[in-house]
Amino acid sequence: MLLCCKVFISEGRNIATLDAIERAARSNTETVIVNKFHDSTYNRARYNLVSYVLHDCTGNAIYSPLQQTVVAMAEAAFNAINLEFHDGAHPRLGAVDDIVFHPLACASLDDAAWLAKSVAADIGNQFNVPVFLYAAAHPTGKQLDAIRRELGYYRPNSMGNQWAGWTMPDILPQTPDEGPIVVSRSRGISMIGAQSWVTLYNIPLLSTDVSAARRIARKVSARGGGLPTVQTLGIVCEDSTEIACMLLEPNRVGADRVQNLVEILAAQEGLDVEKGYYTDLSPEMIVEQYMNLISAKKSSP
């Protein structure tokens, strides 16, 4: 029974900081970094971690090495990142911006939710960081995008297309699920959730017109009347823009449908589109990679 954790960190440029976070991730030999993704323009990094989950005699989850590993990564990130000096093309609310747990193999969504809530309590209590739970970890299943929208996540605060510094009030408008209602300007807020596998797919536009990118993104998203179970962002890159897509049910609405609709909408704007790319692996590839890495560890002297 395996769980995958995606940890999104608000840093994609400082190699020393990224190295410190990765060392923390590797400190527990029972956790494996299966995949990672850094983007300097976004100023954001994502780590995919995998480990097992144990249950008691009644079938309730009671232990996973991921808990210790993720908390250690959070500590390294909080010690090295100050959001007051952070800027990037990708929105963020916290130094440790988002942590999501996915069930793999024979694990259940309940297992993932248990671990999400355990990690949320640790981060809230140990580091005095407000934590909002979402999806299966939330009491009513509230989704990540709804919480982010309430907290102003999608509103750029610098040059119309960048997120820079800390602009939220020091006292939150809503009470978090864990941690204080008062926010540290350097650490910000963390979102922690549990859900079935989500696919991340980005589509480059050969244009620097962020307004056009946002119009296209809005029309593609379920919220804008586009494709169901699809969430999008129009984001600036170095010399282009991208439609960053979150496919909540990739078996229902996959990357091909998203790519096709973006191409149609971009043509209406007079823009060219490149073939999109995945920023992570499929669940099957994650499990295979994990098993290979575990086998290699066991066979090494």
C-alpha atoms as a PDB file:
ATOM      1  CA  MET A   1       0.000   0.000   0.000  1.00  0.00           C
ATOM      2  CA  LEU A   2       1.680   3.158  -1.232  1.00  0.00           C
ATOM      3  CA  LEU A   3       1.033   6.870  -1.005  1.00  0.00           C
ATOM      4  CA  CYS A   4       2.451   9.609  -3.230  1.00  0.00           C
ATOM      5  CA  CYS A   5       2.970  13.107  -1.904  1.00  0.00           C
ATOM      6  CA  LYS A   6       3.446  16.131  -4.153  1.00  0.00           C
ATOM      7  CA  VAL A   7       5.164  18.981  -2.314  1.00  0.00           C
ATOM      8  CA  PHE A   8       5.074  22.399  -4.015  1.00  0.00           C
ATOM      9  CA  ILE A   9       7.703  24.842  -2.764  1.00  0.00           C
ATOM     10  CA  SER A  10       7.877  28.576  -3.577  1.00  0.00           C
ATOM     11  CA  GLU A  11      11.471  28.449  -4.789  1.00  0.00           C
ATOM     12  CA  GLY A  12      12.883  27.499  -8.169  1.00  0.00           C
ATOM     13  CA  ARG A  13      16.051  29.574  -8.447  1.00  0.00           C
ATOM     14  CA  ASN A  14      18.181  29.296  -5.319  1.00  0.00           C
ATOM     15  CA  ILE A  15      20.149  26.078  -5.715  1.00  0.00           C
ATOM     16  CA  ALA A  16      21.373  26.071  -2.109  1.00  0.00           C
ATOM     17  CA  THR A  17      17.801  26.262  -0.832  1.00  0.00           C
ATOM     18  CA  LEU A  18      16.618  23.521  -3.181  1.00  0.00           C
ATOM     19  CA  ASP A  19      19.562  21.338  -2.157  1.00  0.00           C
ATOM     20  CA  ALA A  20      18.721  21.802   1.532  1.00  0.00           C
ATOM     21  CA  ILE A  21      15.094  20.817   0.927  1.00  0.00           C
ATOM     22  CA  GLU A  22      16.157  17.793  -1.080  1.00  0.00           C
ATOM     23  CA  ARG A  23      18.610  16.689   1.622  1.00  0.00           C
ATOM     24  CA  ALA A  24      15.750  16.821   4.096  1.00  0.00           C
ATOM     25  CA  ALA A  25      13.660  14.693   1.734  1.00  0.00           C
ATOM     26  CA  ARG A  26      16.432  12.106   1.495  1.00  0.00           C
ATOM     27  CA  SER A  27      17.059  11.998   5.256  1.00  0.00           C
ATOM     28  CA  ASN A  28      14.508   9.198   5.638  1.00  0.00           C
ATOM     29  CA  THR A  29      15.683   6.192   3.643  1.00  0.00           C
ATOM     30  CA  GLU A  30      12.168   4.733   3.520  1.00  0.00           C
ATOM     31  CA  THR A  31      10.935   7.639   1.423  1.00  0.00           C
ATOM     32  CA  VAL A  32      11.862   7.911  -2.253  1.00  0.00           C
ATOM     33  CA  ILE A  33      11.978  11.037  -4.431  1.00  0.00           C
ATOM     34  CA  VAL A  34      10.488   9.629  -7.621  1.00  0.00           C
ATOM     35  CA  ASN A  35      10.285  12.839  -9.625  1.00  0.00           C
ATOM     36  CA  LYS A  36      10.981  16.565  -9.271  1.00  0.00           C
ATOM     37  CA  PHE A  37      10.281  19.675 -11.315  1.00  0.00           C
ATOM     38  CA  HIS A  38      11.902  23.114 -10.951  1.00  0.00           C
ATOM     39  CA  ASP A  39      10.983  26.254 -12.883  1.00  0.00           C
ATOM     40  CA  SER A  40      12.977  29.456 -12.433  1.00  0.00           C
ATOM     41  CA  THR A  41      10.403  31.717 -14.122  1.00  0.00           C
ATOM     42  CA  TYR A  42       7.603  30.294 -11.991  1.00  0.00           C
ATOM     43  CA  ASN A  43      10.067  30.362  -9.057  1.00  0.00           C
ATOM     44  CA  ARG A  44       8.503  27.105  -7.939  1.00  0.00           C
ATOM     45  CA  ALA A  45       9.516  23.504  -7.386  1.00  0.00           C
ATOM     46  CA  ARG A  46       7.591  20.250  -7.034  1.00  0.00           C
ATOM     47  CA  TYR A  47       8.790  17.005  -5.477  1.00  0.00           C
ATOM     48  CA  ASN A  48       6.983  13.661  -5.885  1.00  0.00           C
ATOM     49  CA  LEU A  49       7.667  11.436  -2.883  1.00  0.00           C
ATOM     50  CA  VAL A  50       6.500   7.847  -2.391  1.00  0.00           C
ATOM     51  CA  SER A  51       6.467   5.517   0.590  1.00  0.00           C
ATOM     52  CA  TYR A  52       4.283   2.886   2.228  1.00  0.00           C
ATOM     53  CA  VAL A  53       1.464   3.220   4.743  1.00  0.00           C
ATOM     54  CA  LEU A  54       0.816   0.814   7.632  1.00  0.00           C
ATOM     55  CA  HIS A  55      -2.555  -0.059   9.190  1.00  0.00           C
ATOM     56  CA  ASP A  56      -3.709  -1.373  12.537  1.00  0.00           C
ATOM     57  CA  CYS A  57      -5.751  -4.556  12.971  1.00  0.00           C
ATOM     58  CA  THR A  58      -8.968  -2.673  12.195  1.00  0.00           C
ATOM     59  CA  GLY A  59      -7.653  -1.354   8.884  1.00  0.00           C
ATOM     60  CA  ASN A  60      -6.995   2.224   9.969  1.00  0.00           C
ATOM     61  CA  ALA A  61      -3.810   3.936   8.768  1.00  0.00           C
ATOM     62  CA  ILE A  62      -1.377   4.491  11.636  1.00  0.00           C
ATOM     63  CA  TYR A  63       2.064   5.172  10.146  1.00  0.00           C
ATOM     64  CA  SER A  64       3.849   6.321   7.009  1.00  0.00           C
ATOM     65  CA  PRO A  65       7.469   7.472   6.671  1.00  0.00           C
ATOM     66  CA  LEU A  66       6.130  10.278   4.464  1.00  0.00           C
ATOM     67  CA  GLN A  67       4.939  12.163   7.534  1.00  0.00           C
ATOM     68  CA  GLN A  68       8.432  12.629   8.967  1.00  0.00           C
ATOM     69  CA  THR A  69       9.917  13.333   5.547  1.00  0.00           C
ATOM     70  CA  VAL A  70       7.420  16.012   4.514  1.00  0.00           C
ATOM     71  CA  VAL A  71       7.678  17.798   7.862  1.00  0.00           C
ATOM     72  CA  ALA A  72      11.482  17.812   7.536  1.00  0.00           C
ATOM     73  CA  MET A  73      11.188  19.307   4.042  1.00  0.00           C
ATOM     74  CA  ALA A  74       8.803  21.953   5.341  1.00  0.00           C
ATOM     75  CA  GLU A  75      11.237  22.893   8.096  1.00  0.00           C
ATOM     76  CA  ALA A  76      14.070  23.279   5.578  1.00  0.00           C
ATOM     77  CA  ALA A  77      11.868  25.423   3.336  1.00  0.00           C
ATOM     78  CA  PHE A  78      10.649  27.656   6.169  1.00  0.00           C
ATOM     79  CA  ASN A  79      14.227  28.183   7.355  1.00  0.00           C
ATOM     80  CA  ALA A  80      15.461  29.211   3.896  1.00  0.00           C
ATOM     81  CA  ILE A  81      12.582  31.027   2.155  1.00  0.00           C
ATOM     82  CA  ASN A  82      11.222  34.467   2.969  1.00  0.00           C
ATOM     83  CA  LEU A  83       8.072  35.296   1.008  1.00  0.00           C
ATOM     84  CA  GLU A  84       8.620  39.010   1.550  1.00  0.00           C
ATOM     85  CA  PHE A  85      11.500  38.771  -0.936  1.00  0.00           C
ATOM     86  CA  HIS A  86       9.909  36.183  -3.215  1.00  0.00           C
ATOM     87  CA  ASP A  87       8.668  36.900  -6.730  1.00  0.00           C
ATOM     88  CA  GLY A  88       7.629  34.718  -9.627  1.00  0.00           C
ATOM     89  CA  ALA A  89       5.186  34.175 -12.465  1.00  0.00           C
ATOM     90  CA  HIS A  90       3.295  31.473 -10.556  1.00  0.00           C
ATOM     91  CA  PRO A  91       0.919  32.474  -7.756  1.00  0.00           C
ATOM     92  CA  ARG A  92       1.617  31.339  -4.215  1.00  0.00           C
ATOM     93  CA  LEU A  93       0.355  31.787  -0.667  1.00  0.00           C
ATOM     94  CA  GLY A  94       3.136  30.092   1.257  1.00  0.00           C
ATOM     95  CA  ALA A  95       6.790  29.118   1.268  1.00  0.00           C
ATOM     96  CA  VAL A  96       5.432  25.556   1.409  1.00  0.00           C
ATOM     97  CA  ASP A  97       2.541  26.396  -0.866  1.00  0.00           C
ATOM     98  CA  ASP A  98       0.746  23.105  -1.386  1.00  0.00           C
ATOM     99  CA  ILE A  99       1.057  19.504  -0.202  1.00  0.00           C
ATOM    100  CA  VAL A 100      -1.224  16.859  -1.667  1.00  0.00           C
ATOM    101  CA  PHE A 101      -1.396  13.121  -0.967  1.00  0.00           C
ATOM    102  CA  HIS A 102      -2.570  10.570  -3.545  1.00  0.00           C
ATOM    103  CA  PRO A 103      -3.294   6.872  -2.962  1.00  0.00           C
ATOM    104  CA  LEU A 104      -1.322   4.439  -5.114  1.00  0.00           C
ATOM    105  CA  ALA A 105      -1.538   0.672  -5.620  1.00  0.00           C
ATOM    106  CA  CYS A 106      -3.848  -0.742  -2.912  1.00  0.00           C
ATOM    107  CA  ALA A 107      -3.932   2.318  -0.650  1.00  0.00           C
ATOM    108  CA  SER A 108      -7.202   4.222  -0.198  1.00  0.00           C
ATOM    109  CA  LEU A 109      -8.243   7.849  -0.290  1.00  0.00           C
ATOM    110  CA  ASP A 110      -8.936   7.526   3.451  1.00  0.00           C
ATOM    111  CA  ASP A 111      -5.261   6.646   3.954  1.00  0.00           C
ATOM    112  CA  ALA A 112      -4.226   9.754   2.031  1.00  0.00           C
ATOM    113  CA  ALA A 113      -6.665  11.930   4.000  1.00  0.00           C
ATOM    114  CA  TRP A 114      -5.375  10.588   7.322  1.00  0.00           C
ATOM    115  CA  LEU A 115      -1.814  11.456   6.372  1.00  0.00           C
ATOM    116  CA  ALA A 116      -2.773  14.902   5.054  1.00  0.00           C
ATOM    117  CA  LYS A 117      -4.455  15.754   8.356  1.00  0.00           C
ATOM    118  CA  SER A 118      -1.504  14.408  10.360  1.00  0.00           C
ATOM    119  CA  VAL A 119       1.003  16.486   8.399  1.00  0.00           C
ATOM    120  CA  ALA A 120      -1.262  19.544   8.622  1.00  0.00           C
ATOM    121  CA  ALA A 121      -1.329  19.276  12.424  1.00  0.00           C
ATOM    122  CA  ASP A 122       2.468  18.950  12.543  1.00  0.00           C
ATOM    123  CA  ILE A 123       3.100  21.952  10.296  1.00  0.00           C
ATOM    124  CA  GLY A 124       0.496  24.105  11.993  1.00  0.00           C
ATOM    125  CA  ASN A 125       1.721  23.330  15.491  1.00  0.00           C
ATOM    126  CA  GLN A 126       5.491  23.051  14.984  1.00  0.00           C
ATOM    127  CA  PHE A 127       5.994  26.011  12.669  1.00  0.00           C
ATOM    128  CA  ASN A 128       3.038  28.279  13.566  1.00  0.00           C
ATOM    129  CA  VAL A 129       1.861  28.268   9.959  1.00  0.00           C
ATOM    130  CA  PRO A 130      -1.857  28.480   9.103  1.00  0.00           C
ATOM    131  CA  VAL A 131      -2.939  25.355   7.210  1.00  0.00           C
ATOM    132  CA  PHE A 132      -6.093  24.946   5.139  1.00  0.00           C
ATOM    133  CA  LEU A 133      -7.214  21.396   4.344  1.00  0.00           C
ATOM    134  CA  TYR A 134      -8.906  20.536   1.057  1.00  0.00           C
ATOM    135  CA  ALA A 135     -10.628  17.777  -0.919  1.00  0.00           C
ATOM    136  CA  ALA A 136     -10.792  14.445   0.963  1.00  0.00           C
ATOM    137  CA  ALA A 137      -8.875  15.916   3.923  1.00  0.00           C
ATOM    138  CA  HIS A 138     -11.482  18.675   4.403  1.00  0.00           C
ATOM    139  CA  PRO A 139     -14.592  17.922   6.513  1.00  0.00           C
ATOM    140  CA  THR A 140     -16.913  18.879   3.641  1.00  0.00           C
ATOM    141  CA  GLY A 141     -14.597  18.081   0.733  1.00  0.00           C
ATOM    142  CA  LYS A 142     -13.980  21.734  -0.135  1.00  0.00           C
ATOM    143  CA  GLN A 143     -11.741  22.009  -3.179  1.00  0.00           C
ATOM    144  CA  LEU A 144      -8.355  23.697  -3.389  1.00  0.00           C
ATOM    145  CA  ASP A 145      -9.322  26.286  -5.986  1.00  0.00           C
ATOM    146  CA  ALA A 146     -12.278  27.494  -3.892  1.00  0.00           C
ATOM    147  CA  ILE A 147     -10.077  28.103  -0.840  1.00  0.00           C
ATOM    148  CA  ARG A 148      -7.391  29.770  -2.933  1.00  0.00           C
ATOM    149  CA  ARG A 149      -9.951  32.065  -4.544  1.00  0.00           C
ATOM    150  CA  GLU A 150     -11.230  33.177  -1.131  1.00  0.00           C
ATOM    151  CA  LEU A 151      -7.666  33.995  -0.075  1.00  0.00           C
ATOM    152  CA  GLY A 152      -6.803  35.997  -3.208  1.00  0.00           C
ATOM    153  CA  TYR A 153      -4.411  33.455  -4.707  1.00  0.00           C
ATOM    154  CA  TYR A 154      -5.315  34.259  -8.311  1.00  0.00           C
ATOM    155  CA  ARG A 155      -4.845  38.036  -8.148  1.00  0.00           C
ATOM    156  CA  PRO A 156      -1.377  39.224  -9.307  1.00  0.00           C
ATOM    157  CA  ASN A 157       0.063  42.056  -7.242  1.00  0.00           C
ATOM    158  CA  SER A 158       3.007  43.233  -9.354  1.00  0.00           C
ATOM    159  CA  MET A 159       3.135  44.356 -13.014  1.00  0.00           C
ATOM    160  CA  GLY A 160      -0.165  42.646 -13.721  1.00  0.00           C
ATOM    161  CA  ASN A 161       1.374  39.215 -14.210  1.00  0.00           C
ATOM    162  CA  GLN A 162       3.667  38.569 -11.257  1.00  0.00           C
ATOM    163  CA  TRP A 163       3.297  37.642  -7.612  1.00  0.00           C
ATOM    164  CA  ALA A 164       5.791  39.476  -5.432  1.00  0.00           C
ATOM    165  CA  GLY A 165       6.226  39.939  -1.721  1.00  0.00           C
ATOM    166  CA  TRP A 166       3.461  39.423   0.815  1.00  0.00           C
ATOM    167  CA  THR A 167       0.252  41.433   0.382  1.00  0.00           C
ATOM    168  CA  MET A 168      -2.297  39.608   2.518  1.00  0.00           C
ATOM    169  CA  PRO A 169      -3.425  40.921   5.923  1.00  0.00           C
ATOM    170  CA  ASP A 170      -1.500  39.643   8.918  1.00  0.00           C
ATOM    171  CA  ILE A 171      -4.734  38.285  10.390  1.00  0.00           C
ATOM    172  CA  LEU A 172      -6.593  35.894   8.096  1.00  0.00           C
ATOM    173  CA  PRO A 173     -10.204  36.532   7.075  1.00  0.00           C
ATOM    174  CA  GLN A 174     -10.970  32.827   7.716  1.00  0.00           C
ATOM    175  CA  THR A 175      -9.941  30.490  10.510  1.00  0.00           C
ATOM    176  CA  PRO A 176      -7.505  27.828   9.226  1.00  0.00           C
ATOM    177  CA  ASP A 177      -7.955  24.123   9.947  1.00  0.00           C
ATOM    178  CA  GLU A 178      -4.607  24.021  11.758  1.00  0.00           C
ATOM    179  CA  GLY A 179      -2.183  26.615  13.048  1.00  0.00           C
ATOM    180  CA  PRO A 180      -2.720  30.260  14.001  1.00  0.00           C
ATOM    181  CA  ILE A 181      -4.989  32.843  12.411  1.00  0.00           C
ATOM    182  CA  VAL A 182      -2.052  35.272  12.443  1.00  0.00           C
ATOM    183  CA  VAL A 183       0.254  34.838   9.439  1.00  0.00           C
ATOM    184  CA  SER A 184       4.026  35.025   9.344  1.00  0.00           C
ATOM    185  CA  ARG A 185       4.929  37.231   6.373  1.00  0.00           C
ATOM    186  CA  SER A 186       7.993  35.104   5.645  1.00  0.00           C
ATOM    187  CA  ARG A 187       6.230  31.714   5.777  1.00  0.00           C
ATOM    188  CA  GLY A 188       2.712  32.474   4.624  1.00  0.00           C
ATOM    189  CA  ILE A 189      -0.011  29.824   4.422  1.00  0.00           C
ATOM    190  CA  SER A 190       0.094  26.127   3.484  1.00  0.00           C
ATOM    191  CA  MET A 191      -2.605  24.153   1.690  1.00  0.00           C
ATOM    192  CA  ILE A 192      -2.718  20.420   2.418  1.00  0.00           C
ATOM    193  CA  GLY A 193      -5.095  17.973   0.794  1.00  0.00           C
ATOM    194  CA  ALA A 194      -5.812  14.436  -0.325  1.00  0.00           C
ATOM    195  CA  GLN A 195      -7.371  13.390  -3.611  1.00  0.00           C
ATOM    196  CA  SER A 196      -7.261  10.849  -6.384  1.00  0.00           C
ATOM    197  CA  TRP A 197      -4.524  11.289  -8.951  1.00  0.00           C
ATOM    198  CA  VAL A 198      -4.341  14.698 -10.629  1.00  0.00           C
ATOM    199  CA  THR A 199      -2.471  15.231 -13.899  1.00  0.00           C
ATOM    200  CA  LEU A 200      -0.483  18.439 -14.469  1.00  0.00           C
ATOM    201  CA  TYR A 201      -0.184  19.495 -18.116  1.00  0.00           C
ATOM    202  CA  ASN A 202       1.196  22.790 -19.486  1.00  0.00           C
ATOM    203  CA  ILE A 203       0.583  24.154 -22.989  1.00  0.00           C
ATOM    204  CA  PRO A 204       2.958  26.876 -24.326  1.00  0.00           C
ATOM    205  CA  LEU A 205       1.567  29.757 -26.385  1.00  0.00           C
ATOM    206  CA  LEU A 206       3.898  31.543 -28.797  1.00  0.00           C
ATOM    207  CA  SER A 207       2.941  34.936 -27.425  1.00  0.00           C
ATOM    208  CA  THR A 208       3.796  37.189 -24.504  1.00  0.00           C
ATOM    209  CA  ASP A 209       0.221  38.512 -24.302  1.00  0.00           C
ATOM    210  CA  VAL A 210      -0.777  37.360 -20.820  1.00  0.00           C
ATOM    211  CA  SER A 211      -4.274  38.826 -21.221  1.00  0.00           C
ATOM    212  CA  ALA A 212      -4.894  36.532 -24.188  1.00  0.00           C
ATOM    213  CA  ALA A 213      -3.466  33.576 -22.283  1.00  0.00           C
ATOM    214  CA  ARG A 214      -5.840  34.271 -19.400  1.00  0.00           C
ATOM    215  CA  ARG A 215      -8.825  34.565 -21.722  1.00  0.00           C
ATOM    216  CA  ILE A 216      -7.986  31.186 -23.235  1.00  0.00           C
ATOM    217  CA  ALA A 217      -7.371  29.634 -19.826  1.00  0.00           C
ATOM    218  CA  ARG A 218     -10.728  30.881 -18.553  1.00  0.00           C
ATOM    219  CA  LYS A 219     -12.590  29.392 -21.528  1.00  0.00           C
ATOM    220  CA  VAL A 220     -10.850  26.029 -21.118  1.00  0.00           C
ATOM    221  CA  SER A 221     -11.582  25.682 -17.403  1.00  0.00           C
ATOM    222  CA  ALA A 222     -14.708  24.109 -15.965  1.00  0.00           C
ATOM    223  CA  ARG A 223     -15.331  27.287 -13.984  1.00  0.00           C
ATOM    224  CA  GLY A 224     -15.371  29.298 -17.237  1.00  0.00           C
ATOM    225  CA  GLY A 225     -17.774  26.916 -18.960  1.00  0.00           C
ATOM    226  CA  GLY A 226     -15.081  24.873 -20.711  1.00  0.00           C
ATOM    227  CA  LEU A 227     -14.062  21.299 -20.002  1.00  0.00           C
ATOM    228  CA  PRO A 228     -15.390  19.587 -16.875  1.00  0.00           C
ATOM    229  CA  THR A 229     -12.883  18.699 -14.129  1.00  0.00           C
ATOM    230  CA  VAL A 230     -10.235  20.984 -15.662  1.00  0.00           C
ATOM    231  CA  GLN A 231      -8.632  23.912 -13.806  1.00  0.00           C
ATOM    232  CA  THR A 232      -6.318  26.360 -15.568  1.00  0.00           C
ATOM    233  CA  LEU A 233      -3.998  29.332 -15.139  1.00  0.00           C
ATOM    234  CA  GLY A 234      -2.597  31.670 -17.790  1.00  0.00           C
ATOM    235  CA  ILE A 235       1.022  32.283 -16.763  1.00  0.00           C
ATOM    236  CA  VAL A 236       3.932  34.301 -18.170  1.00  0.00           C
ATOM    237  CA  CYS A 237       7.142  32.480 -19.125  1.00  0.00           C
ATOM    238  CA  GLU A 238      10.470  33.953 -20.286  1.00  0.00           C
ATOM    239  CA  ASP A 239       9.489  34.746 -23.881  1.00  0.00           C
ATOM    240  CA  SER A 240       6.014  33.232 -24.105  1.00  0.00           C
ATOM    241  CA  THR A 241       2.987  32.351 -22.012  1.00  0.00           C
ATOM    242  CA  GLU A 242       1.559  29.038 -20.860  1.00  0.00           C
ATOM    243  CA  ILE A 243      -1.787  27.511 -20.036  1.00  0.00           C
ATOM    244  CA  ALA A 244      -1.053  25.532 -16.874  1.00  0.00           C
ATOM    245  CA  CYS A 245      -3.717  22.842 -16.530  1.00  0.00           C
ATOM    246  CA  MET A 246      -4.769  20.665 -13.627  1.00  0.00           C
ATOM    247  CA  LEU A 247      -6.756  17.647 -14.843  1.00  0.00           C
ATOM    248  CA  LEU A 248      -8.726  16.479 -11.814  1.00  0.00           C
ATOM    249  CA  GLU A 249     -10.095  13.388 -13.570  1.00  0.00           C
ATOM    250  CA  PRO A 250      -7.590  12.617 -16.335  1.00  0.00           C
ATOM    251  CA  ASN A 251      -9.396   9.400 -17.316  1.00  0.00           C
ATOM    252  CA  ARG A 252     -12.501  11.463 -18.015  1.00  0.00           C
ATOM    253  CA  VAL A 253     -10.943  14.561 -19.591  1.00  0.00           C
ATOM    254  CA  GLY A 254      -7.398  13.986 -20.743  1.00  0.00           C
ATOM    255  CA  ALA A 255      -4.594  16.103 -22.146  1.00  0.00           C
ATOM    256  CA  ASP A 256      -5.613  15.539 -25.786  1.00  0.00           C
ATOM    257  CA  ARG A 257      -8.990  17.216 -25.296  1.00  0.00           C
ATOM    258  CA  VAL A 258      -7.392  20.113 -23.455  1.00  0.00           C
ATOM    259  CA  GLN A 259      -4.731  20.529 -26.140  1.00  0.00           C
ATOM    260  CA  ASN A 260      -7.334  20.522 -28.910  1.00  0.00           C
ATOM    261  CA  LEU A 261      -9.504  23.167 -27.225  1.00  0.00           C
ATOM    262  CA  VAL A 262      -6.521  25.412 -26.474  1.00  0.00           C
ATOM    263  CA  GLU A 263      -5.468  25.219 -30.130  1.00  0.00           C
ATOM    264  CA  ILE A 264      -8.961  26.221 -31.291  1.00  0.00           C
ATOM    265  CA  LEU A 265      -9.199  29.124 -28.851  1.00  0.00           C
ATOM    266  CA  ALA A 266      -5.651  30.290 -29.598  1.00  0.00           C
ATOM    267  CA  ALA A 267      -6.393  30.326 -33.337  1.00  0.00           C
ATOM    268  CA  GLN A 268      -9.329  32.633 -32.608  1.00  0.00           C
ATOM    269  CA  GLU A 269      -6.850  34.956 -30.871  1.00  0.00           C
ATOM    270  CA  GLY A 270      -4.430  34.687 -33.813  1.00  0.00           C
ATOM    271  CA  LEU A 271      -1.881  32.783 -31.717  1.00  0.00           C
ATOM    272  CA  ASP A 272       0.200  29.675 -32.360  1.00  0.00           C
ATOM    273  CA  VAL A 273       0.399  26.844 -29.843  1.00  0.00           C
ATOM    274  CA  GLU A 274       3.126  24.332 -29.107  1.00  0.00           C
ATOM    275  CA  LYS A 275       2.513  20.747 -28.048  1.00  0.00           C
ATOM    276  CA  GLY A 276       1.891  20.611 -24.312  1.00  0.00           C
ATOM    277  CA  TYR A 277       3.994  18.670 -21.840  1.00  0.00           C
ATOM    278  CA  TYR A 278       3.404  16.792 -18.607  1.00  0.00           C
ATOM    279  CA  THR A 279       5.265  18.039 -15.548  1.00  0.00           C
ATOM    280  CA  ASP A 280       4.934  14.741 -13.706  1.00  0.00           C
ATOM    281  CA  LEU A 281       4.632  10.997 -14.314  1.00  0.00           C
ATOM    282  CA  SER A 282       1.544   8.806 -14.472  1.00  0.00           C
ATOM    283  CA  PRO A 283       0.590   6.784 -11.354  1.00  0.00           C
ATOM    284  CA  GLU A 284       1.775   3.594 -13.054  1.00  0.00           C
ATOM    285  CA  MET A 285       5.141   5.155 -13.878  1.00  0.00           C
ATOM    286  CA  ILE A 286       5.423   6.490 -10.319  1.00  0.00           C
ATOM    287  CA  VAL A 287       4.912   3.017  -8.844  1.00  0.00           C
ATOM    288  CA  GLU A 288       7.336   1.431 -11.316  1.00  0.00           C
ATOM    289  CA  GLN A 289       9.983   4.058 -10.612  1.00  0.00           C
ATOM    290  CA  TYR A 290       9.509   3.621  -6.856  1.00  0.00           C
ATOM    291  CA  MET A 291       9.902  -0.148  -7.059  1.00  0.00           C
ATOM    292  CA  ASN A 292      13.036   0.184  -9.180  1.00  0.00           C
ATOM    293  CA  LEU A 293      14.602   2.689  -6.787  1.00  0.00           C
ATOM    294  CA  ILE A 294      13.744   0.582  -3.723  1.00  0.00           C
ATOM    295  CA  SER A 295      15.235  -2.505  -5.374  1.00  0.00           C
ATOM    296  CA  ALA A 296      18.393  -0.554  -6.226  1.00  0.00           C
ATOM    297  CA  LYS A 297      18.715   0.601  -2.611  1.00  0.00           C
ATOM    298  CA  LYS A 298      18.374  -2.952  -1.288  1.00  0.00           C
ATOM    299  CA  SER A 299      20.955  -4.343  -3.710  1.00  0.00           C
ATOM    300  CA  SER A 300      23.546  -1.611  -3.085  1.00  0.00           C
ATOM    301  CA  PRO A 301      26.364  -2.484  -0.629  1.00  0.00           C
END
